[in-house]
Protein backbone atom coordinates (compact mmCIF):
# COMPACT_ATOMS: atom_id res chain seq x y z
CA MET A 1 -0.34 0.24 -0.08
CA MET A 2 1.51 3.46 -0.54
CA ASP A 3 1.14 5.74 1.83
CA TRP A 4 -0.17 9.57 1.37
CA PRO A 5 0.58 11.81 1.15
CA TRP A 6 2.09 11.78 -2.94
CA LYS A 7 3.85 14.52 -3.32
CA VAL A 8 2.45 16.65 -6.00
CA ARG A 9 4.39 20.03 -8.71
CA GLN A 10 1.73 21.10 -10.56
CA TYR A 11 1.58 23.82 -12.65
CA CYS A 12 -1.04 26.34 -14.72
CA TYR A 13 -1.00 28.51 -18.41
CA PHE A 14 -3.64 29.29 -21.11
CA TRP A 15 -1.85 29.09 -24.28
CA LEU A 16 -3.03 30.56 -28.12
CA ALA A 17 -1.78 28.11 -31.38
CA SER A 18 -1.98 29.14 -34.63
CA GLU A 19 -0.48 27.41 -38.00
CA ALA A 20 -1.48 31.02 -39.58
CA VAL A 21 -0.40 33.95 -36.65
CA THR A 22 2.82 34.09 -34.94
CA ALA A 23 2.82 34.85 -30.89
CA GLU A 24 4.09 38.20 -32.18
CA GLN A 25 0.82 39.23 -34.16
CA ILE A 26 -0.61 37.98 -31.32
CA THR A 27 0.91 40.21 -28.79
CA GLU A 28 -0.10 42.65 -30.45
CA ARG A 29 -4.17 42.03 -31.11
CA LEU A 30 -3.99 41.38 -27.60
CA GLY A 31 -2.16 43.90 -26.05
CA LEU A 32 -1.08 41.62 -23.25
CA GLY A 33 2.42 40.31 -23.43
CA PRO A 34 2.73 36.46 -22.88
CA ASP A 35 5.80 34.64 -20.35
CA ARG A 36 5.93 32.46 -23.12
CA THR A 37 6.20 32.16 -26.80
CA ALA A 38 7.15 29.57 -29.29
CA VAL A 39 7.41 29.37 -33.19
CA MET A 40 6.24 27.34 -34.96
CA GLY A 41 9.41 24.53 -36.33
CA SER A 42 11.52 26.19 -34.32
CA ARG A 43 12.63 23.06 -32.85
CA ARG A 44 12.93 21.05 -36.80
CA THR A 45 10.50 20.41 -39.65
CA SER A 46 11.45 17.50 -40.92
CA PRO A 47 10.45 14.59 -40.41
CA GLY A 48 7.50 15.97 -38.78
CA VAL A 49 7.37 19.79 -37.64
CA VAL A 50 7.75 21.19 -34.31
CA PRO A 51 6.41 23.31 -31.98
CA ALA A 52 3.54 21.87 -34.53
CA ALA A 53 2.02 25.56 -34.40
CA HIS A 54 3.09 29.22 -33.03
CA ARG A 55 2.21 28.99 -29.74
CA TRP A 56 1.89 32.13 -26.98
CA GLU A 57 1.32 31.07 -23.43
CA ILE A 58 0.49 33.15 -19.46
CA ARG A 59 1.95 30.62 -16.66
CA CYS A 60 1.54 30.43 -13.51
CA GLU A 61 3.79 27.69 -11.81
CA THR A 62 3.86 29.14 -8.37
CA HIS A 63 4.10 26.11 -6.04
CA GLY A 64 0.46 26.38 -4.98
CA PRO A 65 -3.44 24.39 -5.18
CA ILE A 66 -4.08 23.64 -9.42
CA ASP A 67 -7.07 26.24 -8.98
CA GLU A 68 -5.61 28.70 -7.16
CA GLN A 69 -2.88 29.19 -9.85
CA ALA A 70 -5.51 29.00 -12.20
CA SER A 71 -7.46 31.79 -11.21
CA THR A 72 -4.49 34.08 -11.68
CA VAL A 73 -3.83 33.10 -14.64
CA LEU A 74 -7.56 33.58 -15.98
CA ALA A 75 -7.74 36.67 -14.33
CA ARG A 76 -4.38 37.67 -16.16
CA ILE A 77 -5.91 37.12 -20.03
CA ALA A 78 -9.95 38.37 -19.04
CA PRO A 79 -9.22 42.19 -19.70
CA ALA A 80 -8.43 40.77 -23.08
CA ALA A 81 -11.23 37.82 -23.87
CA ASP A 82 -12.87 39.74 -26.24
CA GLN A 83 -9.96 39.54 -28.37
CA VAL A 84 -8.88 36.30 -27.59
CA ARG A 85 -12.56 35.86 -28.99
CA ALA A 86 -11.96 37.36 -31.84
CA LEU A 87 -9.16 35.59 -32.72
CA VAL A 88 -9.99 32.29 -31.77
CA ASP A 89 -13.65 32.77 -33.86
CA GLY A 90 -11.53 34.21 -37.19
CA GLY A 91 -10.58 30.30 -36.86
CA ASP A 92 -6.68 30.47 -37.19
CA VAL A 93 -5.59 30.46 -33.62
CA GLU A 94 -7.21 28.13 -30.96
CA ALA A 95 -7.42 28.37 -26.74
CA GLY A 96 -7.53 27.04 -23.97
CA LEU A 97 -6.71 26.33 -19.55
CA MET A 98 -3.73 24.07 -19.47
CA MET A 99 -3.65 22.15 -16.00
CA VAL A 100 -0.86 19.80 -15.56
CA ARG A 101 -0.26 17.85 -12.18
CA ARG A 102 3.12 15.45 -11.94
CA PHE A 103 2.52 12.87 -9.42
CA ASP A 104 4.88 11.18 -6.91
CA ASP A 105 7.66 13.94 -7.58
CA PRO A 106 10.77 14.45 -5.59
CA ASP A 107 10.89 17.97 -5.09
CA GLY A 108 6.97 18.98 -5.20
CA GLY A 109 4.94 19.97 -1.93
CA HIS A 110 2.23 17.94 -0.41
CA HIS A 111 -0.75 19.94 -1.27
CA ALA A 112 -5.24 18.73 -1.82
CA MET A 113 -5.31 16.48 -4.82
CA GLY A 114 -9.21 17.63 -6.03
CA TRP A 115 -9.27 21.25 -8.20
CA TRP A 116 -12.41 23.07 -9.43
CA LEU A 117 -13.40 25.62 -11.92
CA THR A 118 -15.57 28.09 -10.75
CA ARG A 119 -19.19 29.37 -12.39
CA GLU A 120 -17.63 32.03 -13.83
CA GLN A 121 -14.67 31.25 -14.60
CA ILE A 122 -16.04 28.44 -16.95
CA GLN A 123 -18.40 31.50 -17.67
CA LEU A 124 -14.65 33.61 -19.02
CA LEU A 125 -13.29 30.78 -20.87
CA ALA A 126 -16.30 29.47 -22.53
CA ARG A 127 -16.84 33.65 -23.50
CA MET A 128 -13.16 33.13 -24.67
CA GLY A 129 -13.87 30.12 -27.22
CA ALA A 130 -11.25 28.34 -24.90
CA SER A 131 -11.11 24.87 -23.78
CA VAL A 132 -9.67 23.30 -19.92
CA GLU A 133 -7.83 20.43 -20.27
CA SER A 134 -5.57 18.50 -17.85
CA ASP A 135 -2.28 16.14 -18.07
CA GLU A 136 -1.12 13.83 -15.63
CA TYR A 137 1.40 11.58 -14.54
CA ALA A 138 2.66 9.63 -12.67
CA GLY A 139 6.37 8.22 -11.73
CA ASP A 140 7.47 5.61 -9.09
CA SER A 141 5.86 5.52 -5.77
CA THR A 142 9.48 5.59 -4.35
CA ALA A 143 8.62 9.82 -3.97
CA HIS A 144 5.35 9.16 -2.00
CA SER A 145 6.30 10.65 1.91
CA SER A 146 5.99 8.44 4.94
CA ARG A 147 3.68 8.78 7.78
């Protein structure tokens, strides 16, 4: 039987991605600077294009519950919600909120495993035409704390 609680490292970001619209163009349209960008094909073009699209991201990697990180990220993008929706409605840009959790991370902290988004946050994401994604990874069980 495994010991509890798991050590978890988690982070959250809001992203915009496009094969046609660059991160610089997204920044110009939103009037908001990103924390991270990527240029389509900047790592390789063959056999496949990596990254597969231009990316623009606002990130939160502060230790803490993932739903609190989502609140931080969404508060930062909220003033540009109408501009995000205009980009998404143009057909060349996709948007989303990504929440990533790595369980059994020796550098992680002990936090509650559950998370939620408020009704207002869900409405904001819908208003922007954004998806919600979650990635969760688990390593070996040796990183569990002992009780």
